[in-house]
Amino acid sequence: MLEFLFTYSSAFLILDASYQSNITEVLLHSLGKIFLINPYDIFVNSVYVDYKSAMSNLNPLADRMGLGGSLLTEIIAFKNIFVIVLIPFFLVFYGFIINYFLKSNLLWLKIYGILFILFIFNFFRGSMFDHLFYPFQLMLYFGIWIFVLDVIYIKNKRKLYE
C-alpha cells in the first residue's frame, strides 16, 4: 500500500520542486547511452541531473525509504505542456515499433522486440529515458553476431532462389 502512496506523493513533490527536465538534454543523454562511453557526457560540459537522481535529492524521507518513480512523474518533471502531450503519442509509436519487430521474419528484430518488452517495466517504474535506448546498446555490443547471421541467411536464401 505504501508503494502507491509514495508514487502518488512523488508527483506532488516534483510539481512543487524547482527541478525541471530539459527535453533536449534528456534525449541527447539518453541517445548517448547507446555507446559504452556516453559522448554527451564527454563533449558537453554541463552536469546532467537525471530524473531519478533529482527524485532522490528531493526525497524528504531519504534515509528510510525511496519515493517511487513513475512515468507520470517523469513526464511532469518536464513542466512543458508540449512535451507532456507529445510523450503519450511517443509511447503509442513505441508500441507499434515493438509490434513490427515481433512480427518480423528476422531473428535480430524479434530479439529487439523482446528486449523492448523486457525494458517496458523500467519505463513505468524507473525512468523511461534512462532505459529508452538500452536495448540498442545490448544488441550493438552483444548481439551484432545475430544480425550478421541474419544477413548471411538472407544472402544464402536469395542464392537458393536464383
Protein backbone atom coordinates (compact mmCIF):
# COMPACT_ATOMS: atom_id res chain seq x y z
CA MET A 1 0.00 0.00 0.00
CA LEU A 2 2.87 2.38 0.73
CA GLU A 3 4.11 1.86 -2.82
CA PHE A 4 1.02 3.63 -4.18
CA LEU A 5 1.26 6.39 -1.59
CA PHE A 6 4.88 7.20 -2.41
CA THR A 7 4.30 7.11 -6.17
CA TYR A 8 1.33 9.43 -5.70
CA SER A 9 3.25 11.83 -3.46
CA SER A 10 6.26 11.94 -5.78
CA ALA A 11 4.08 13.65 -8.41
CA PHE A 12 3.29 16.46 -5.98
CA LEU A 13 6.90 16.67 -4.89
CA ILE A 14 8.13 17.14 -8.47
CA LEU A 15 5.42 19.74 -9.14
CA ASP A 16 6.49 21.83 -6.15
CA ALA A 17 10.23 21.47 -6.80
CA SER A 18 12.35 23.83 -8.83
CA TYR A 19 13.74 20.88 -10.82
CA GLN A 20 12.75 20.87 -14.48
CA SER A 21 13.89 18.38 -17.11
CA ASN A 22 15.08 19.72 -20.45
CA ILE A 23 13.84 17.51 -23.31
CA THR A 24 16.90 18.22 -25.49
CA GLU A 25 19.38 17.32 -22.75
CA VAL A 26 17.40 14.25 -21.75
CA LEU A 27 17.16 12.92 -25.31
CA LEU A 28 20.82 13.60 -26.11
CA HIS A 29 21.97 11.97 -22.89
CA SER A 30 19.63 9.03 -23.47
CA LEU A 31 20.77 8.60 -27.08
CA GLY A 32 24.39 8.71 -25.94
CA LYS A 33 23.75 5.64 -23.80
CA ILE A 34 23.91 3.53 -26.94
CA PHE A 35 27.70 3.83 -26.70
CA LEU A 36 29.81 2.34 -23.92
CA ILE A 37 31.11 5.82 -23.05
CA ASN A 38 28.41 8.45 -23.36
CA PRO A 39 29.58 11.15 -25.84
CA TYR A 40 27.12 13.64 -24.36
CA ASP A 41 28.94 13.50 -21.03
CA ILE A 42 32.30 13.93 -22.77
CA PHE A 43 31.51 16.75 -25.22
CA VAL A 44 29.03 18.79 -23.19
CA ASN A 45 30.48 20.41 -20.11
CA SER A 46 27.26 20.59 -18.17
CA VAL A 47 26.38 18.46 -15.21
CA TYR A 48 23.44 16.34 -16.26
CA VAL A 49 20.98 15.52 -13.48
CA ASP A 50 18.62 12.75 -14.45
CA TYR A 51 15.10 12.37 -13.17
CA LYS A 52 15.90 9.55 -10.72
CA SER A 53 18.76 11.50 -9.13
CA ALA A 54 16.56 14.56 -8.82
CA MET A 55 13.84 12.50 -7.12
CA SER A 56 16.39 11.04 -4.70
CA ASN A 57 17.64 14.54 -3.82
CA LEU A 58 14.10 15.84 -3.32
CA ASN A 59 13.02 12.94 -1.14
CA PRO A 60 12.37 14.14 2.44
CA LEU A 61 12.42 10.50 3.64
CA ALA A 62 15.76 9.69 2.01
CA ASP A 63 17.16 7.79 5.00
CA ARG A 64 14.24 5.46 5.45
CA MET A 65 12.60 4.77 2.10
CA GLY A 66 12.59 5.83 -1.50
CA LEU A 67 9.90 7.53 -3.46
CA GLY A 68 8.50 5.55 -6.32
CA GLY A 69 9.44 6.81 -9.73
CA SER A 70 6.84 6.57 -12.40
CA LEU A 71 6.30 7.53 -16.00
CA LEU A 72 3.74 10.11 -14.89
CA THR A 73 6.14 11.95 -12.59
CA GLU A 74 8.90 11.81 -15.18
CA ILE A 75 6.60 13.46 -17.70
CA ILE A 76 5.51 16.06 -15.15
CA ALA A 77 9.19 16.86 -14.49
CA PHE A 78 9.43 18.44 -17.96
CA LYS A 79 6.90 21.10 -16.91
CA ASN A 80 6.28 21.75 -20.59
CA ILE A 81 2.77 21.19 -21.93
CA PHE A 82 4.03 20.32 -25.44
CA VAL A 83 6.26 17.54 -24.10
CA ILE A 84 3.55 16.31 -21.74
CA VAL A 85 1.15 15.96 -24.70
CA LEU A 86 3.82 14.51 -27.02
CA ILE A 87 5.05 11.63 -24.83
CA PRO A 88 1.79 9.58 -24.90
CA PHE A 89 1.95 9.66 -28.72
CA PHE A 90 5.57 8.57 -28.50
CA LEU A 91 4.57 5.62 -26.28
CA VAL A 92 1.95 4.51 -28.82
CA PHE A 93 4.58 4.75 -31.59
CA TYR A 94 6.94 2.72 -29.41
CA GLY A 95 4.24 0.05 -29.12
CA PHE A 96 3.86 -0.05 -32.91
CA ILE A 97 7.63 -0.50 -33.27
CA ILE A 98 7.60 -3.40 -30.81
CA ASN A 99 4.71 -4.98 -32.71
CA TYR A 100 6.55 -4.58 -36.02
CA PHE A 101 9.72 -6.10 -34.58
CA LEU A 102 7.90 -9.10 -33.12
CA LYS A 103 6.09 -9.82 -36.41
CA SER A 104 9.29 -9.58 -38.46
CA ASN A 105 10.86 -12.63 -40.07
CA LEU A 106 14.33 -11.53 -38.97
CA LEU A 107 15.69 -13.02 -35.76
CA TRP A 108 17.55 -9.88 -34.68
CA LEU A 109 14.37 -7.76 -34.95
CA LYS A 110 12.42 -10.32 -32.92
CA ILE A 111 15.12 -10.18 -30.24
CA TYR A 112 14.88 -6.38 -30.27
CA GLY A 113 11.14 -6.67 -29.76
CA ILE A 114 11.61 -8.99 -26.79
CA LEU A 115 14.25 -6.68 -25.28
CA PHE A 116 11.94 -3.70 -25.66
CA ILE A 117 9.17 -5.59 -23.87
CA LEU A 118 11.55 -6.56 -21.06
CA PHE A 119 12.54 -2.93 -20.51
CA ILE A 120 8.99 -1.55 -20.52
CA PHE A 121 8.82 -2.23 -16.79
CA ASN A 122 11.65 0.26 -16.32
CA PHE A 123 9.67 2.84 -18.30
CA PHE A 124 6.81 2.79 -15.85
CA ARG A 125 8.69 2.11 -12.64
CA GLY A 126 12.00 3.88 -13.15
CA SER A 127 12.94 6.34 -15.84
CA MET A 128 11.74 5.95 -19.41
CA PHE A 129 14.55 8.00 -20.90
CA ASP A 130 17.28 6.21 -18.96
CA HIS A 131 16.20 2.89 -20.49
CA LEU A 132 14.95 4.06 -23.88
CA PHE A 133 18.00 3.09 -25.94
CA TYR A 134 19.40 0.36 -23.71
CA PRO A 135 18.14 -2.49 -25.99
CA PHE A 136 20.06 -0.90 -28.87
CA GLN A 137 23.24 -0.89 -26.77
CA LEU A 138 22.77 -4.55 -25.87
CA MET A 139 22.28 -5.58 -29.47
CA LEU A 140 25.08 -3.36 -30.76
CA TYR A 141 27.72 -4.82 -28.45
CA PHE A 142 26.43 -8.28 -27.61
CA GLY A 143 24.02 -9.18 -30.39
CA ILE A 144 25.76 -7.96 -33.53
CA TRP A 145 26.55 -11.56 -34.40
CA ILE A 146 22.80 -12.29 -34.66
CA PHE A 147 22.49 -9.51 -37.24
CA VAL A 148 25.44 -10.97 -39.17
CA LEU A 149 23.85 -14.45 -39.11
CA ASP A 150 20.58 -12.99 -40.42
CA VAL A 151 22.40 -11.23 -43.27
CA ILE A 152 24.23 -14.46 -44.19
CA TYR A 153 20.94 -16.38 -44.04
CA ILE A 154 19.20 -13.87 -46.33
CA LYS A 155 22.09 -13.96 -48.84
CA ASN A 156 22.04 -17.76 -48.91
CA LYS A 157 18.26 -17.78 -49.30
CA ARG A 158 18.48 -15.37 -52.28
CA LYS A 159 21.16 -17.55 -53.94
CA LEU A 160 18.95 -20.57 -53.45
CA TYR A 161 16.05 -18.94 -55.34
CA GLU A 162 18.22 -17.56 -58.18
